[in-house]
Structure formats: C-alpha cells, structure tokens
Amino acid sequence: MGTSLGFGGTAVNADNIKVCARCGLRYDWRKSASSTLKMTYCGSLCEKADLGFTIDALIHVERGERPIVKLPEADDDQKEPVAPVV
C-alpha cells in the first residue's frame, strides 16, 4: 500500500495518483473522465488532443455501407488486370 495523501480533507492513496501523458497534471486515475485510458489521460479532452480521437468514439463508430463497384469486362487483348476506380 502507498502512503496516504490529503487533498481537501480527503485521504488519497499515492498509488492511485498518475501523471497525464498530455498535460502533465497529477490526477487520481479512478476519477478520470477518460472512459478507456484512465491510466494514461486525466480526461477525454487530453485523450482526444493527444490521439486525435477518443477510444470510446472509435469503439462506437458505425461503418456505412460501401458501394459495389462493377469491374469492366475483360478483353482478350488486355493482358493486365484493371483496378477498379473507387
């Protein structure tokens, strides 16, 4: 067990204090607003600023349907395959 630190009249275990990888702020990782990277970032704003996205948003993203691309008919004269234009 780590030492107990007092912040604002409450005891906080020093083992629970982490330093944010983005802003350098010390925070209690159990109270981090970052839903998935609590041990790395103090909040979702630092997570998004550092990564460009939040892991939570990435998990919940829905992919749209991709259009079906028809390939051109192959000619006998054509020796190399033609890549579809996307």
PDB file of N, CA and C in Angstrom:
ATOM      1  N   MET A   1       0.834  -1.188   0.000  1.00  0.00           N
ATOM      2  CA  MET A   1       0.000   0.000   0.000  1.00  0.00           C
ATOM      3  C   MET A   1       0.873   1.244   0.000  1.00  0.00           C
ATOM      4  N   GLY A   2       0.442   2.253  -0.700  1.00  0.00           N
ATOM      5  CA  GLY A   2       1.184   3.500  -0.749  1.00  0.00           C
ATOM      6  C   GLY A   2       0.811   4.394   0.415  1.00  0.00           C
ATOM      7  N   THR A   3       1.454   5.508   0.477  1.00  0.00           N
ATOM      8  CA  THR A   3       1.168   6.456   1.539  1.00  0.00           C
ATOM      9  C   THR A   3      -0.120   7.186   1.237  1.00  0.00           C
ATOM     10  N   SER A   4      -0.752   7.671   2.307  1.00  0.00           N
ATOM     11  CA  SER A   4      -1.998   8.392   2.162  1.00  0.00           C
ATOM     12  C   SER A   4      -1.718   9.885   2.084  1.00  0.00           C
ATOM     13  N   LEU A   5      -2.246  10.536   1.065  1.00  0.00           N
ATOM     14  CA  LEU A   5      -2.082  11.971   0.883  1.00  0.00           C
ATOM     15  C   LEU A   5      -3.411  12.646   1.163  1.00  0.00           C
ATOM     16  N   GLY A   6      -3.375  13.821   1.708  1.00  0.00           N
ATOM     17  CA  GLY A   6      -4.610  14.546   1.997  1.00  0.00           C
ATOM     18  C   GLY A   6      -4.817  15.684   1.027  1.00  0.00           C
ATOM     19  N   PHE A   7      -5.898  15.643   0.278  1.00  0.00           N
ATOM     20  CA  PHE A   7      -6.274  16.712  -0.643  1.00  0.00           C
ATOM     21  C   PHE A   7      -7.668  17.176  -0.279  1.00  0.00           C
ATOM     22  N   GLY A   8      -7.786  18.372   0.203  1.00  0.00           N
ATOM     23  CA  GLY A   8      -9.102  18.910   0.512  1.00  0.00           C
ATOM     24  C   GLY A   8      -9.831  18.146   1.598  1.00  0.00           C
ATOM     25  N   GLY A   9      -9.115  17.608   2.556  1.00  0.00           N
ATOM     26  CA  GLY A   9      -9.749  16.919   3.666  1.00  0.00           C
ATOM     27  C   GLY A   9     -10.046  15.460   3.416  1.00  0.00           C
ATOM     28  N   THR A  10      -9.694  14.937   2.252  1.00  0.00           N
ATOM     29  CA  THR A  10      -9.929  13.520   1.971  1.00  0.00           C
ATOM     30  C   THR A  10      -8.589  12.817   1.788  1.00  0.00           C
ATOM     31  N   ALA A  11      -8.539  11.572   2.200  1.00  0.00           N
ATOM     32  CA  ALA A  11      -7.316  10.789   2.063  1.00  0.00           C
ATOM     33  C   ALA A  11      -7.275  10.152   0.683  1.00  0.00           C
ATOM     34  N   VAL A  12      -6.140  10.273   0.012  1.00  0.00           N
ATOM     35  CA  VAL A  12      -5.957   9.690  -1.317  1.00  0.00           C
ATOM     36  C   VAL A  12      -4.709   8.813  -1.269  1.00  0.00           C
ATOM     37  N   ASN A  13      -4.813   7.608  -1.750  1.00  0.00           N
ATOM     38  CA  ASN A  13      -3.678   6.696  -1.790  1.00  0.00           C
ATOM     39  C   ASN A  13      -2.734   7.139  -2.910  1.00  0.00           C
ATOM     40  N   ALA A  14      -1.457   7.282  -2.606  1.00  0.00           N
ATOM     41  CA  ALA A  14      -0.473   7.745  -3.592  1.00  0.00           C
ATOM     42  C   ALA A  14      -0.335   6.787  -4.769  1.00  0.00           C
ATOM     43  N   ASP A  15      -0.676   5.506  -4.586  1.00  0.00           N
ATOM     44  CA  ASP A  15      -0.614   4.550  -5.695  1.00  0.00           C
ATOM     45  C   ASP A  15      -1.641   4.857  -6.773  1.00  0.00           C
ATOM     46  N   ASN A  16      -2.683   5.605  -6.434  1.00  0.00           N
ATOM     47  CA  ASN A  16      -3.746   5.926  -7.382  1.00  0.00           C
ATOM     48  C   ASN A  16      -3.482   7.216  -8.146  1.00  0.00           C
ATOM     49  N   ILE A  17      -2.414   7.918  -7.808  1.00  0.00           N
ATOM     50  CA  ILE A  17      -2.099   9.181  -8.476  1.00  0.00           C
ATOM     51  C   ILE A  17      -1.219   8.901  -9.690  1.00  0.00           C
ATOM     52  N   LYS A  18      -1.678   9.369 -10.841  1.00  0.00           N
ATOM     53  CA  LYS A  18      -0.948   9.228 -12.101  1.00  0.00           C
ATOM     54  C   LYS A  18      -0.667  10.619 -12.656  1.00  0.00           C
ATOM     55  N   VAL A  19       0.195  10.697 -13.648  1.00  0.00           N
ATOM     56  CA  VAL A  19       0.503  11.951 -14.334  1.00  0.00           C
ATOM     57  C   VAL A  19      -0.005  11.825 -15.763  1.00  0.00           C
ATOM     58  N   CYS A  20      -0.819  12.784 -16.187  1.00  0.00           N
ATOM     59  CA  CYS A  20      -1.407  12.767 -17.525  1.00  0.00           C
ATOM     60  C   CYS A  20      -0.306  12.828 -18.584  1.00  0.00           C
ATOM     61  N   ALA A  21      -0.398  11.953 -19.575  1.00  0.00           N
ATOM     62  CA  ALA A  21       0.592  11.891 -20.657  1.00  0.00           C
ATOM     63  C   ALA A  21       0.543  13.127 -21.546  1.00  0.00           C
ATOM     64  N   ARG A  22      -0.568  13.830 -21.563  1.00  0.00           N
ATOM     65  CA  ARG A  22      -0.729  15.002 -22.427  1.00  0.00           C
ATOM     66  C   ARG A  22      -0.353  16.305 -21.727  1.00  0.00           C
ATOM     67  N   CYS A  23      -0.987  16.567 -20.567  1.00  0.00           N
ATOM     68  CA  CYS A  23      -0.820  17.875 -19.931  1.00  0.00           C
ATOM     69  C   CYS A  23       0.074  17.860 -18.697  1.00  0.00           C
ATOM     70  N   GLY A  24       0.436  16.677 -18.203  1.00  0.00           N
ATOM     71  CA  GLY A  24       1.320  16.583 -17.050  1.00  0.00           C
ATOM     72  C   GLY A  24       0.629  16.790 -15.712  1.00  0.00           C
ATOM     73  N   LEU A  25      -0.695  16.931 -15.702  1.00  0.00           N
ATOM     74  CA  LEU A  25      -1.462  17.115 -14.475  1.00  0.00           C
ATOM     75  C   LEU A  25      -1.465  15.830 -13.654  1.00  0.00           C
ATOM     76  N   ARG A  26      -1.343  15.952 -12.344  1.00  0.00           N
ATOM     77  CA  ARG A  26      -1.483  14.786 -11.472  1.00  0.00           C
ATOM     78  C   ARG A  26      -2.960  14.583 -11.184  1.00  0.00           C
ATOM     79  N   TYR A  27      -3.405  13.343 -11.276  1.00  0.00           N
ATOM     80  CA  TYR A  27      -4.826  13.039 -11.081  1.00  0.00           C
ATOM     81  C   TYR A  27      -4.982  11.652 -10.487  1.00  0.00           C
ATOM     82  N   ASP A  28      -6.121  11.428  -9.851  1.00  0.00           N
ATOM     83  CA  ASP A  28      -6.483  10.118  -9.322  1.00  0.00           C
ATOM     84  C   ASP A  28      -7.109   9.350 -10.490  1.00  0.00           C
ATOM     85  N   TRP A  29      -6.449   8.314 -10.978  1.00  0.00           N
ATOM     86  CA  TRP A  29      -6.894   7.614 -12.187  1.00  0.00           C
ATOM     87  C   TRP A  29      -8.288   7.021 -12.039  1.00  0.00           C
ATOM     88  N   ARG A  30      -8.719   6.731 -10.814  1.00  0.00           N
ATOM     89  CA  ARG A  30     -10.055   6.154 -10.608  1.00  0.00           C
ATOM     90  C   ARG A  30     -11.151   7.169 -10.888  1.00  0.00           C
ATOM     91  N   LYS A  31     -10.813   8.444 -10.865  1.00  0.00           N
ATOM     92  CA  LYS A  31     -11.792   9.509 -11.108  1.00  0.00           C
ATOM     93  C   LYS A  31     -11.598  10.168 -12.463  1.00  0.00           C
ATOM     94  N   SER A  32     -10.782   9.595 -13.316  1.00  0.00           N
ATOM     95  CA  SER A  32     -10.512  10.165 -14.634  1.00  0.00           C
ATOM     96  C   SER A  32     -11.768  10.160 -15.489  1.00  0.00           C
ATOM     97  N   ALA A  33     -11.964  11.238 -16.233  1.00  0.00           N
ATOM     98  CA  ALA A  33     -13.113  11.328 -17.143  1.00  0.00           C
ATOM     99  C   ALA A  33     -12.881  10.560 -18.437  1.00  0.00           C
ATOM    100  N   SER A  34     -11.678  10.114 -18.682  1.00  0.00           N
ATOM    101  CA  SER A  34     -11.396   9.279 -19.847  1.00  0.00           C
ATOM    102  C   SER A  34     -11.973   7.899 -19.574  1.00  0.00           C
ATOM    103  N   SER A  35     -12.865   7.451 -20.432  1.00  0.00           N
ATOM    104  CA  SER A  35     -13.568   6.194 -20.140  1.00  0.00           C
ATOM    105  C   SER A  35     -12.708   4.953 -20.357  1.00  0.00           C
ATOM    106  N   THR A  36     -11.745   4.991 -21.265  1.00  0.00           N
ATOM    107  CA  THR A  36     -10.973   3.786 -21.558  1.00  0.00           C
ATOM    108  C   THR A  36      -9.493   3.879 -21.217  1.00  0.00           C
ATOM    109  N   LEU A  37      -8.911   5.063 -21.253  1.00  0.00           N
ATOM    110  CA  LEU A  37      -7.486   5.209 -20.988  1.00  0.00           C
ATOM    111  C   LEU A  37      -7.247   5.962 -19.677  1.00  0.00           C
ATOM    112  N   LYS A  38      -7.904   5.517 -18.626  1.00  0.00           N
ATOM    113  CA  LYS A  38      -7.838   6.176 -17.329  1.00  0.00           C
ATOM    114  C   LYS A  38      -6.429   6.256 -16.760  1.00  0.00           C
ATOM    115  N   MET A  39      -5.578   5.278 -17.058  1.00  0.00           N
ATOM    116  CA  MET A  39      -4.236   5.252 -16.501  1.00  0.00           C
ATOM    117  C   MET A  39      -3.263   6.119 -17.316  1.00  0.00           C
ATOM    118  N   THR A  40      -3.729   6.708 -18.425  1.00  0.00           N
ATOM    119  CA  THR A  40      -2.865   7.492 -19.300  1.00  0.00           C
ATOM    120  C   THR A  40      -3.240   8.966 -19.335  1.00  0.00           C
ATOM    121  N   TYR A  41      -4.544   9.264 -19.427  1.00  0.00           N
ATOM    122  CA  TYR A  41      -5.003  10.639 -19.576  1.00  0.00           C
ATOM    123  C   TYR A  41      -5.926  11.039 -18.432  1.00  0.00           C
ATOM    124  N   CYS A  42      -5.843  12.325 -18.038  1.00  0.00           N
ATOM    125  CA  CYS A  42      -6.680  12.821 -16.950  1.00  0.00           C
ATOM    126  C   CYS A  42      -8.135  12.966 -17.380  1.00  0.00           C
ATOM    127  N   GLY A  43      -8.381  13.105 -18.661  1.00  0.00           N
ATOM    128  CA  GLY A  43      -9.742  13.257 -19.155  1.00  0.00           C
ATOM    129  C   GLY A  43      -9.830  13.001 -20.637  1.00  0.00           C
ATOM    130  N   SER A  44     -11.069  13.010 -21.128  1.00  0.00           N
ATOM    131  CA  SER A  44     -11.288  12.717 -22.545  1.00  0.00           C
ATOM    132  C   SER A  44     -10.758  13.824 -23.449  1.00  0.00           C
ATOM    133  N   LEU A  45     -10.671  15.064 -22.951  1.00  0.00           N
ATOM    134  CA  LEU A  45     -10.123  16.151 -23.779  1.00  0.00           C
ATOM    135  C   LEU A  45      -8.639  15.934 -24.057  1.00  0.00           C
ATOM    136  N   CYS A  46      -7.882  15.505 -23.044  1.00  0.00           N
ATOM    137  CA  CYS A  46      -6.459  15.218 -23.258  1.00  0.00           C
ATOM    138  C   CYS A  46      -6.292  13.989 -24.149  1.00  0.00           C
ATOM    139  N   GLU A  47      -7.164  13.010 -23.981  1.00  0.00           N
ATOM    140  CA  GLU A  47      -7.116  11.807 -24.823  1.00  0.00           C
ATOM    141  C   GLU A  47      -7.332  12.184 -26.287  1.00  0.00           C
ATOM    142  N   LYS A  48      -8.356  13.010 -26.549  1.00  0.00           N
ATOM    143  CA  LYS A  48      -8.654  13.407 -27.922  1.00  0.00           C
ATOM    144  C   LYS A  48      -7.562  14.312 -28.489  1.00  0.00           C
ATOM    145  N   ALA A  49      -7.033  15.216 -27.667  1.00  0.00           N
ATOM    146  CA  ALA A  49      -5.986  16.125 -28.138  1.00  0.00           C
ATOM    147  C   ALA A  49      -4.716  15.363 -28.499  1.00  0.00           C
ATOM    148  N   ASP A  50      -4.402  14.321 -27.751  1.00  0.00           N
ATOM    149  CA  ASP A  50      -3.174  13.562 -27.993  1.00  0.00           C
ATOM    150  C   ASP A  50      -3.325  12.571 -29.150  1.00  0.00           C
ATOM    151  N   LEU A  51      -4.458  11.874 -29.204  1.00  0.00           N
ATOM    152  CA  LEU A  51      -4.666  10.842 -30.221  1.00  0.00           C
ATOM    153  C   LEU A  51      -5.378  11.347 -31.472  1.00  0.00           C
ATOM    154  N   GLY A  52      -6.141  12.422 -31.335  1.00  0.00           N
ATOM    155  CA  GLY A  52      -6.957  12.902 -32.445  1.00  0.00           C
ATOM    156  C   GLY A  52      -8.362  12.324 -32.413  1.00  0.00           C
ATOM    157  N   PHE A  53      -8.617  11.427 -31.498  1.00  0.00           N
ATOM    158  CA  PHE A  53      -9.928  10.808 -31.320  1.00  0.00           C
ATOM    159  C   PHE A  53      -9.947  10.189 -29.932  1.00  0.00           C
ATOM    160  N   THR A  54     -11.128   9.793 -29.472  1.00  0.00           N
ATOM    161  CA  THR A  54     -11.207   9.059 -28.211  1.00  0.00           C
ATOM    162  C   THR A  54     -11.456   7.592 -28.532  1.00  0.00           C
ATOM    163  N   ILE A  55     -10.922   6.723 -27.708  1.00  0.00           N
ATOM    164  CA  ILE A  55     -11.126   5.284 -27.909  1.00  0.00           C
ATOM    165  C   ILE A  55     -12.605   4.949 -27.821  1.00  0.00           C
ATOM    166  N   ASP A  56     -13.326   5.618 -26.928  1.00  0.00           N
ATOM    167  CA  ASP A  56     -14.757   5.374 -26.777  1.00  0.00           C
ATOM    168  C   ASP A  56     -15.505   5.692 -28.080  1.00  0.00           C
ATOM    169  N   ALA A  57     -15.152   6.796 -28.733  1.00  0.00           N
ATOM    170  CA  ALA A  57     -15.782   7.150 -30.011  1.00  0.00           C
ATOM    171  C   ALA A  57     -15.428   6.135 -31.086  1.00  0.00           C
ATOM    172  N   LEU A  58     -14.195   5.652 -31.069  1.00  0.00           N
ATOM    173  CA  LEU A  58     -13.763   4.659 -32.051  1.00  0.00           C
ATOM    174  C   LEU A  58     -14.516   3.344 -31.883  1.00  0.00           C
ATOM    175  N   ILE A  59     -14.764   2.958 -30.656  1.00  0.00           N
ATOM    176  CA  ILE A  59     -15.489   1.719 -30.382  1.00  0.00           C
ATOM    177  C   ILE A  59     -16.939   1.824 -30.860  1.00  0.00           C
ATOM    178  N   HIS A  60     -17.536   3.003 -30.729  1.00  0.00           N
ATOM    179  CA  HIS A  60     -18.951   3.170 -31.052  1.00  0.00           C
ATOM    180  C   HIS A  60     -19.226   3.642 -32.479  1.00  0.00           C
ATOM    181  N   VAL A  61     -18.187   3.814 -33.290  1.00  0.00           N
ATOM    182  CA  VAL A  61     -18.400   4.275 -34.657  1.00  0.00           C
ATOM    183  C   VAL A  61     -19.074   3.168 -35.476  1.00  0.00           C
ATOM    184  N   GLU A  62     -19.988   3.572 -36.322  1.00  0.00           N
ATOM    185  CA  GLU A  62     -20.666   2.616 -37.199  1.00  0.00           C
ATOM    186  C   GLU A  62     -20.208   2.864 -38.626  1.00  0.00           C
ATOM    187  N   ARG A  63     -19.774   1.803 -39.264  1.00  0.00           N
ATOM    188  CA  ARG A  63     -19.353   1.918 -40.657  1.00  0.00           C
ATOM    189  C   ARG A  63     -20.566   1.941 -41.561  1.00  0.00           C
ATOM    190  N   GLY A  64     -20.509   2.806 -42.545  1.00  0.00           N
ATOM    191  CA  GLY A  64     -21.563   2.851 -43.541  1.00  0.00           C
ATOM    192  C   GLY A  64     -21.337   1.763 -44.580  1.00  0.00           C
ATOM    193  N   GLU A  65     -22.351   1.527 -45.386  1.00  0.00           N
ATOM    194  CA  GLU A  65     -22.203   0.522 -46.436  1.00  0.00           C
ATOM    195  C   GLU A  65     -21.296   1.063 -47.528  1.00  0.00           C
ATOM    196  N   ARG A  66     -20.457   0.196 -48.033  1.00  0.00           N
ATOM    197  CA  ARG A  66     -19.571   0.579 -49.134  1.00  0.00           C
ATOM    198  C   ARG A  66     -20.272   0.270 -50.454  1.00  0.00           C
ATOM    199  N   PRO A  67     -20.133   1.160 -51.430  1.00  0.00           N
ATOM    200  CA  PRO A  67     -20.791   0.920 -52.712  1.00  0.00           C
ATOM    201  C   PRO A  67     -20.143  -0.257 -53.449  1.00  0.00           C
ATOM    202  N   ILE A  68     -20.966  -0.958 -54.195  1.00  0.00           N
ATOM    203  CA  ILE A  68     -20.466  -2.073 -55.003  1.00  0.00           C
ATOM    204  C   ILE A  68     -19.928  -1.493 -56.306  1.00  0.00           C
ATOM    205  N   VAL A  69     -18.693  -1.821 -56.616  1.00  0.00           N
ATOM    206  CA  VAL A  69     -18.049  -1.310 -57.820  1.00  0.00           C
ATOM    207  C   VAL A  69     -18.026  -2.410 -58.861  1.00  0.00           C
ATOM    208  N   LYS A  70     -18.559  -2.094 -60.035  1.00  0.00           N
ATOM    209  CA  LYS A  70     -18.549  -3.078 -61.114  1.00  0.00           C
ATOM    210  C   LYS A  70     -17.232  -2.983 -61.859  1.00  0.00           C
ATOM    211  N   LEU A  71     -16.643  -4.124 -62.107  1.00  0.00           N
ATOM    212  CA  LEU A  71     -15.399  -4.183 -62.854  1.00  0.00           C
ATOM    213  C   LEU A  71     -15.703  -4.196 -64.343  1.00  0.00           C
ATOM    214  N   PRO A  72     -14.837  -3.562 -65.131  1.00  0.00           N
ATOM    215  CA  PRO A  72     -15.059  -3.575 -66.581  1.00  0.00           C
ATOM    216  C   PRO A  72     -14.867  -4.985 -67.133  1.00  0.00           C
ATOM    217  N   GLU A  73     -15.545  -5.225 -68.230  1.00  0.00           N
ATOM    218  CA  GLU A  73     -15.412  -6.518 -68.894  1.00  0.00           C
ATOM    219  C   GLU A  73     -13.974  -6.672 -69.401  1.00  0.00           C
ATOM    220  N   ALA A  74     -13.397  -7.834 -69.226  1.00  0.00           N
ATOM    221  CA  ALA A  74     -12.019  -8.073 -69.668  1.00  0.00           C
ATOM    222  C   ALA A  74     -12.014  -8.403 -71.160  1.00  0.00           C
ATOM    223  N   ASP A  75     -11.138  -7.719 -71.907  1.00  0.00           N
ATOM    224  CA  ASP A  75     -10.961  -8.001 -73.330  1.00  0.00           C
ATOM    225  C   ASP A  75      -9.860  -9.036 -73.477  1.00  0.00           C
ATOM    226  N   ASP A  76      -9.897  -9.757 -74.582  1.00  0.00           N
ATOM    227  CA  ASP A  76      -8.836 -10.724 -74.842  1.00  0.00           C
ATOM    228  C   ASP A  76      -7.499 -10.018 -75.098  1.00  0.00           C
ATOM    229  N   ASP A  77      -7.555  -8.767 -75.620  1.00  0.00           N
ATOM    230  CA  ASP A  77      -6.344  -8.020 -75.915  1.00  0.00           C
ATOM    231  C   ASP A  77      -5.661  -7.515 -74.637  1.00  0.00           C
ATOM    232  N   GLN A  78      -6.432  -7.409 -73.591  1.00  0.00           N
ATOM    233  CA  GLN A  78      -5.921  -6.835 -72.352  1.00  0.00           C
ATOM    234  C   GLN A  78      -5.195  -7.916 -71.547  1.00  0.00           C
ATOM    235  N   LYS A  79      -3.913  -7.701 -71.288  1.00  0.00           N
ATOM    236  CA  LYS A  79      -3.110  -8.711 -70.603  1.00  0.00           C
ATOM    237  C   LYS A  79      -2.982  -8.440 -69.104  1.00  0.00           C
ATOM    238  N   GLU A  80      -3.116  -7.176 -68.688  1.00  0.00           N
ATOM    239  CA  GLU A  80      -3.008  -6.836 -67.257  1.00  0.00           C
ATOM    240  C   GLU A  80      -4.401  -6.553 -66.716  1.00  0.00           C
ATOM    241  N   PRO A  81      -4.638  -6.959 -65.457  1.00  0.00           N
ATOM    242  CA  PRO A  81      -5.961  -6.655 -64.857  1.00  0.00           C
ATOM    243  C   PRO A  81      -6.114  -5.163 -64.608  1.00  0.00           C
ATOM    244  N   VAL A  82      -7.331  -4.691 -64.675  1.00  0.00           N
ATOM    245  CA  VAL A  82      -7.631  -3.286 -64.444  1.00  0.00           C
ATOM    246  C   VAL A  82      -8.167  -3.130 -63.037  1.00  0.00           C
ATOM    247  N   ALA A  83      -7.583  -2.206 -62.281  1.00  0.00           N
ATOM    248  CA  ALA A  83      -8.046  -1.950 -60.921  1.00  0.00           C
ATOM    249  C   ALA A  83      -9.302  -1.094 -60.990  1.00  0.00           C
ATOM    250  N   PRO A  84     -10.271  -1.348 -60.123  1.00  0.00           N
ATOM    251  CA  PRO A  84     -11.495  -0.552 -60.133  1.00  0.00           C
ATOM    252  C   PRO A  84     -11.220   0.858 -59.630  1.00  0.00           C
ATOM    253  N   VAL A  85     -11.946   1.814 -60.174  1.00  0.00           N
ATOM    254  CA  VAL A  85     -11.830   3.202 -59.753  1.00  0.00           C
ATOM    255  C   VAL A  85     -12.794   3.382 -58.583  1.00  0.00           C
ATOM    256  N   VAL A  86     -12.235   3.812 -57.449  1.00  0.00           N
ATOM    257  CA  VAL A  86     -13.061   3.977 -56.247  1.00  0.00           C
ATOM    258  C   VAL A  86     -13.348   5.410 -55.994  1.00  0.00           C
TER     259      VAL A  86
END
